[in-house]
Amino acid sequence: MYEKQNMLNTADKDLLCEFIYRSMGRVLNKNVLTWERPIPQGVSVYTAHPDTGTFEYMFTKDDKFNVVRDSMEEAEEMLNRYGMCDKGGLVLYMNKCMLPIVSKHKQYSY
């Protein structure tokens, strides 16, 4: 059987770069900023509950890469800062472990 490590292709890395470009602080609320593309690898999906002001974790897209999820405290801090909970909807959060991949892909995109 194969390992999930380093199974990202160029299209996956391009999608990560586009996500970073369109998000604010690695957080993107789909009700505020439209995102019609697939969910990139290493991105966690949360549901924003405007009535309680909380974010509920749903899943992390990790079928091609072994994602190390950020701590809940760190994720909640970023979600509270940039997630716009009052707008509700799905909120996408990119975990920190994906940043070196995006950075390297921007430097050497071939």
Protein backbone atom coordinates (compact mmCIF):
# COMPACT_ATOMS: atom_id res chain seq x y z
CA MET A 1 0.00 0.00 0.00
CA TYR A 2 1.19 3.53 -0.62
CA GLU A 3 1.61 6.32 1.90
CA LYS A 4 -0.33 9.55 1.61
CA GLN A 5 2.84 11.60 2.09
CA ASN A 6 3.82 13.78 -0.90
CA MET A 7 0.95 12.69 -3.15
CA LEU A 8 0.09 16.28 -4.08
CA ASN A 9 0.21 17.07 -7.78
CA THR A 10 0.67 20.47 -9.42
CA ALA A 11 -3.08 21.10 -9.60
CA ASP A 12 -3.40 20.49 -5.84
CA LYS A 13 -0.59 22.95 -5.16
CA ASP A 14 -2.10 25.54 -7.53
CA LEU A 15 -5.40 25.19 -5.65
CA LEU A 16 -3.59 25.77 -2.33
CA CYS A 17 -1.95 28.91 -3.75
CA GLU A 18 -5.30 30.23 -4.97
CA PHE A 19 -6.83 29.56 -1.55
CA ILE A 20 -4.06 31.52 0.19
CA TYR A 21 -4.50 34.38 -2.29
CA ARG A 22 -8.29 34.61 -1.76
CA SER A 23 -8.44 33.97 2.00
CA MET A 24 -7.78 36.27 4.93
CA GLY A 25 -5.29 34.84 7.40
CA ARG A 26 -5.78 31.30 5.98
CA VAL A 27 -9.54 31.57 6.73
CA LEU A 28 -12.29 31.86 4.11
CA ASN A 29 -16.01 32.18 4.87
CA LYS A 30 -17.91 30.88 1.84
CA ASN A 31 -20.86 33.22 2.54
CA VAL A 32 -18.61 36.29 2.32
CA LEU A 33 -15.98 35.32 -0.27
CA THR A 34 -17.27 32.97 -2.94
CA TRP A 35 -15.28 29.77 -3.33
CA GLU A 36 -16.62 27.47 -6.03
CA ARG A 37 -13.47 25.36 -6.34
CA PRO A 38 -12.90 22.00 -4.60
CA ILE A 39 -11.67 22.11 -1.03
CA PRO A 40 -7.85 22.01 -1.09
CA GLN A 41 -5.79 19.40 0.74
CA GLY A 42 -4.94 20.38 4.31
CA VAL A 43 -8.00 22.59 4.72
CA SER A 44 -10.37 22.04 7.66
CA VAL A 45 -14.06 22.77 7.25
CA TYR A 46 -16.08 24.40 10.05
CA THR A 47 -19.71 25.45 10.32
CA ALA A 48 -20.31 28.95 11.70
CA HIS A 49 -23.25 29.26 14.10
CA PRO A 50 -24.18 32.97 14.29
CA ASP A 51 -26.77 32.42 17.03
CA THR A 52 -24.17 31.05 19.48
CA GLY A 53 -21.07 32.71 17.99
CA THR A 54 -19.22 29.40 17.72
CA PHE A 55 -17.57 27.31 15.02
CA GLU A 56 -18.23 23.57 14.78
CA TYR A 57 -15.48 21.36 13.31
CA MET A 58 -16.67 19.08 10.48
CA PHE A 59 -13.66 17.47 8.73
CA THR A 60 -10.19 18.03 7.26
CA LYS A 61 -9.40 17.20 3.64
CA ASP A 62 -6.41 14.87 3.96
CA ASP A 63 -6.80 12.06 1.43
CA LYS A 64 -3.50 12.84 -0.38
CA PHE A 65 -1.35 14.29 2.40
CA ASN A 66 -0.76 13.52 6.08
CA VAL A 67 -2.08 16.75 7.57
CA VAL A 68 -0.98 17.83 11.03
CA ARG A 69 -3.98 19.77 12.29
CA ASP A 70 -3.39 22.97 14.21
CA SER A 71 -4.41 22.99 17.85
CA MET A 72 -8.04 23.90 18.50
CA GLU A 73 -6.92 27.02 20.41
CA GLU A 74 -4.91 28.29 17.45
CA ALA A 75 -7.65 27.42 14.93
CA GLU A 76 -10.34 29.08 17.07
CA GLU A 77 -8.24 32.23 17.40
CA MET A 78 -7.89 32.51 13.62
CA LEU A 79 -11.55 31.61 13.05
CA ASN A 80 -12.74 34.22 15.55
CA ARG A 81 -10.49 36.83 13.97
CA TYR A 82 -11.24 36.19 10.28
CA GLY A 83 -14.17 33.73 10.10
CA MET A 84 -17.02 36.26 10.36
CA CYS A 85 -19.25 34.00 12.44
CA ASP A 86 -22.14 36.48 12.24
CA LYS A 87 -22.47 35.68 8.50
CA GLY A 88 -22.92 31.92 9.18
CA GLY A 89 -22.21 29.22 6.61
CA LEU A 90 -19.16 27.10 5.93
CA VAL A 91 -15.76 28.41 6.96
CA LEU A 92 -12.58 26.95 5.46
CA TYR A 93 -9.35 27.03 7.48
CA MET A 94 -5.93 26.07 6.08
CA ASN A 95 -3.70 24.30 8.58
CA LYS A 96 -0.18 25.65 9.13
CA CYS A 97 1.53 22.50 7.83
CA MET A 98 0.48 23.42 4.27
CA LEU A 99 2.25 26.80 4.22
CA PRO A 100 5.74 25.41 3.41
CA ILE A 101 4.23 23.50 0.47
CA VAL A 102 2.58 26.66 -0.88
CA SER A 103 5.76 28.67 -0.38
CA LYS A 104 7.95 26.12 -2.17
CA HIS A 105 5.43 25.78 -5.01
CA LYS A 106 5.38 29.56 -5.53
CA GLN A 107 9.19 29.58 -5.73
CA TYR A 108 9.51 26.50 -7.96
CA SER A 109 6.23 26.08 -9.79
CA TYR A 110 7.60 23.72 -12.45
